[in-house]
């Protein structure tokens, strides 16, 4: 696995950040979908390899 960085921008200015903001940030982080550099899979019916035959 390669190292990576993820950024999260909060609406709350830093001096006013409290534990609720940090908790919300950790929940947002946990919900993220990570591909680790790979491309998303394209379903076969949407593939651009050529015309589909009936």
N, C-alpha and C. Protein backbone atom coordinates (compact mmCIF):
# COMPACT_ATOMS: atom_id res chain seq x y z
N UNK A 1 0.84 -1.17 0.00
CA UNK A 1 0.00 0.00 0.00
C UNK A 1 0.89 1.24 0.00
N UNK A 2 0.53 2.20 -0.80
CA UNK A 2 1.31 3.43 -0.90
C UNK A 2 0.77 4.48 0.06
N UNK A 3 1.64 5.30 0.58
CA UNK A 3 1.17 6.36 1.47
C UNK A 3 0.38 7.40 0.68
N UNK A 4 -0.58 7.99 1.33
CA UNK A 4 -1.37 9.03 0.69
C UNK A 4 -1.80 10.04 1.75
N UNK A 5 -2.31 11.16 1.29
CA UNK A 5 -2.81 12.19 2.19
C UNK A 5 -4.24 12.52 1.81
N UNK A 6 -5.05 12.79 2.79
CA UNK A 6 -6.43 13.20 2.56
C UNK A 6 -6.67 14.50 3.31
N UNK A 7 -7.34 15.42 2.65
CA UNK A 7 -7.63 16.71 3.26
C UNK A 7 -9.11 16.82 3.56
N UNK A 8 -9.43 17.48 4.63
CA UNK A 8 -10.81 17.74 5.00
C UNK A 8 -10.89 19.21 5.41
N UNK A 9 -11.77 19.94 4.79
CA UNK A 9 -11.92 21.35 5.08
C UNK A 9 -13.20 21.56 5.89
N UNK A 10 -13.05 22.16 7.04
CA UNK A 10 -14.17 22.40 7.94
C UNK A 10 -14.71 23.81 7.76
N UNK A 11 -15.99 23.98 8.03
CA UNK A 11 -16.60 25.31 7.99
C UNK A 11 -16.22 26.12 9.24
N UNK A 12 -15.89 25.43 10.31
CA UNK A 12 -15.57 26.08 11.57
C UNK A 12 -14.12 26.55 11.58
N UNK A 13 -13.86 27.82 11.95
CA UNK A 13 -12.47 28.28 12.06
C UNK A 13 -11.75 27.52 13.18
N UNK A 14 -10.45 27.34 13.02
CA UNK A 14 -9.68 26.50 13.95
C UNK A 14 -9.85 26.88 15.42
N UNK A 15 -9.80 28.15 15.79
CA UNK A 15 -9.92 28.44 17.24
C UNK A 15 -11.25 27.98 17.83
N UNK A 16 -12.26 27.79 16.99
CA UNK A 16 -13.59 27.42 17.50
C UNK A 16 -13.89 25.93 17.36
N UNK A 17 -12.95 25.15 16.84
CA UNK A 17 -13.17 23.71 16.67
C UNK A 17 -13.24 23.05 18.04
N UNK A 18 -14.28 22.23 18.22
CA UNK A 18 -14.39 21.48 19.47
C UNK A 18 -14.50 19.99 19.14
N UNK A 19 -14.74 19.18 20.14
CA UNK A 19 -14.73 17.73 19.91
C UNK A 19 -15.86 17.28 19.00
N UNK A 20 -16.98 18.02 18.94
CA UNK A 20 -18.05 17.65 18.00
C UNK A 20 -17.58 17.80 16.57
N UNK A 21 -16.83 18.88 16.28
CA UNK A 21 -16.28 19.07 14.93
C UNK A 21 -15.29 17.96 14.59
N UNK A 22 -14.45 17.60 15.55
CA UNK A 22 -13.49 16.52 15.31
C UNK A 22 -14.20 15.19 15.11
N UNK A 23 -15.28 14.96 15.86
CA UNK A 23 -16.05 13.73 15.70
C UNK A 23 -16.69 13.68 14.31
N UNK A 24 -17.28 14.80 13.86
CA UNK A 24 -17.87 14.87 12.52
C UNK A 24 -16.80 14.63 11.45
N UNK A 25 -15.62 15.19 11.65
CA UNK A 25 -14.53 14.99 10.69
C UNK A 25 -14.12 13.52 10.64
N UNK A 26 -14.05 12.86 11.78
CA UNK A 26 -13.67 11.44 11.77
C UNK A 26 -14.76 10.59 11.12
N UNK A 27 -16.04 10.95 11.28
CA UNK A 27 -17.13 10.22 10.62
C UNK A 27 -17.06 10.42 9.11
N UNK A 28 -16.77 11.64 8.66
CA UNK A 28 -16.62 11.89 7.22
C UNK A 28 -15.47 11.06 6.66
N UNK A 29 -14.39 11.00 7.38
CA UNK A 29 -13.22 10.23 6.95
C UNK A 29 -13.58 8.74 6.83
N UNK A 30 -14.33 8.23 7.78
CA UNK A 30 -14.69 6.81 7.77
C UNK A 30 -15.64 6.47 6.62
N UNK A 31 -16.46 7.43 6.17
CA UNK A 31 -17.42 7.18 5.10
C UNK A 31 -16.80 7.25 3.71
N UNK A 32 -15.59 7.74 3.58
CA UNK A 32 -14.99 7.92 2.26
C UNK A 32 -14.69 6.59 1.58
N UNK A 33 -14.87 6.59 0.26
CA UNK A 33 -14.54 5.42 -0.53
C UNK A 33 -13.14 5.61 -1.08
N UNK A 34 -12.26 4.66 -0.83
CA UNK A 34 -10.87 4.78 -1.26
C UNK A 34 -10.57 3.78 -2.36
N UNK A 35 -9.88 4.26 -3.40
CA UNK A 35 -9.51 3.40 -4.52
C UNK A 35 -8.02 3.12 -4.53
N UNK A 36 -7.25 3.83 -3.74
CA UNK A 36 -5.80 3.65 -3.63
C UNK A 36 -5.13 3.73 -5.01
N UNK A 37 -5.53 4.71 -5.80
CA UNK A 37 -4.89 4.95 -7.09
C UNK A 37 -5.49 4.19 -8.25
N UNK A 38 -6.40 3.29 -8.01
CA UNK A 38 -6.99 2.54 -9.12
C UNK A 38 -8.17 3.30 -9.72
N UNK A 39 -8.53 2.94 -10.91
CA UNK A 39 -9.66 3.57 -11.58
C UNK A 39 -10.94 2.85 -11.19
N UNK A 40 -12.06 3.57 -11.18
CA UNK A 40 -13.32 2.89 -10.87
C UNK A 40 -13.69 1.91 -11.97
N UNK A 41 -14.37 0.84 -11.61
CA UNK A 41 -14.78 -0.17 -12.58
C UNK A 41 -15.93 0.36 -13.42
N UNK A 42 -15.88 0.07 -14.72
CA UNK A 42 -16.95 0.46 -15.63
C UNK A 42 -17.80 -0.78 -15.89
N UNK A 43 -19.10 -0.69 -15.64
CA UNK A 43 -19.95 -1.86 -15.90
C UNK A 43 -19.88 -2.27 -17.37
N UNK A 44 -20.04 -3.54 -17.65
CA UNK A 44 -19.90 -4.08 -19.01
C UNK A 44 -20.87 -3.41 -19.99
N UNK A 45 -22.08 -3.12 -19.57
CA UNK A 45 -23.05 -2.53 -20.49
C UNK A 45 -22.70 -1.07 -20.83
N UNK A 46 -21.87 -0.42 -20.06
CA UNK A 46 -21.47 0.95 -20.35
C UNK A 46 -20.08 1.03 -20.99
N UNK A 47 -19.48 -0.08 -21.27
CA UNK A 47 -18.15 -0.13 -21.82
C UNK A 47 -18.12 0.50 -23.21
N UNK A 48 -17.01 1.17 -23.56
CA UNK A 48 -16.88 1.83 -24.87
C UNK A 48 -15.99 1.02 -25.80
N UNK A 49 -15.96 -0.29 -25.63
CA UNK A 49 -15.10 -1.13 -26.46
C UNK A 49 -15.71 -1.39 -27.84
N UNK A 50 -16.93 -1.04 -28.03
CA UNK A 50 -17.55 -1.24 -29.34
C UNK A 50 -19.05 -1.40 -29.18
N UNK A 51 -19.75 -1.47 -30.31
CA UNK A 51 -21.20 -1.61 -30.24
C UNK A 51 -21.59 -2.96 -29.67
N UNK A 52 -22.65 -2.96 -28.90
CA UNK A 52 -23.13 -4.21 -28.34
C UNK A 52 -24.09 -4.85 -29.34
N UNK A 53 -24.10 -6.17 -29.35
CA UNK A 53 -24.97 -6.92 -30.26
C UNK A 53 -26.21 -7.38 -29.49
N UNK A 54 -27.37 -7.30 -30.11
CA UNK A 54 -28.61 -7.71 -29.41
C UNK A 54 -28.69 -9.18 -29.16
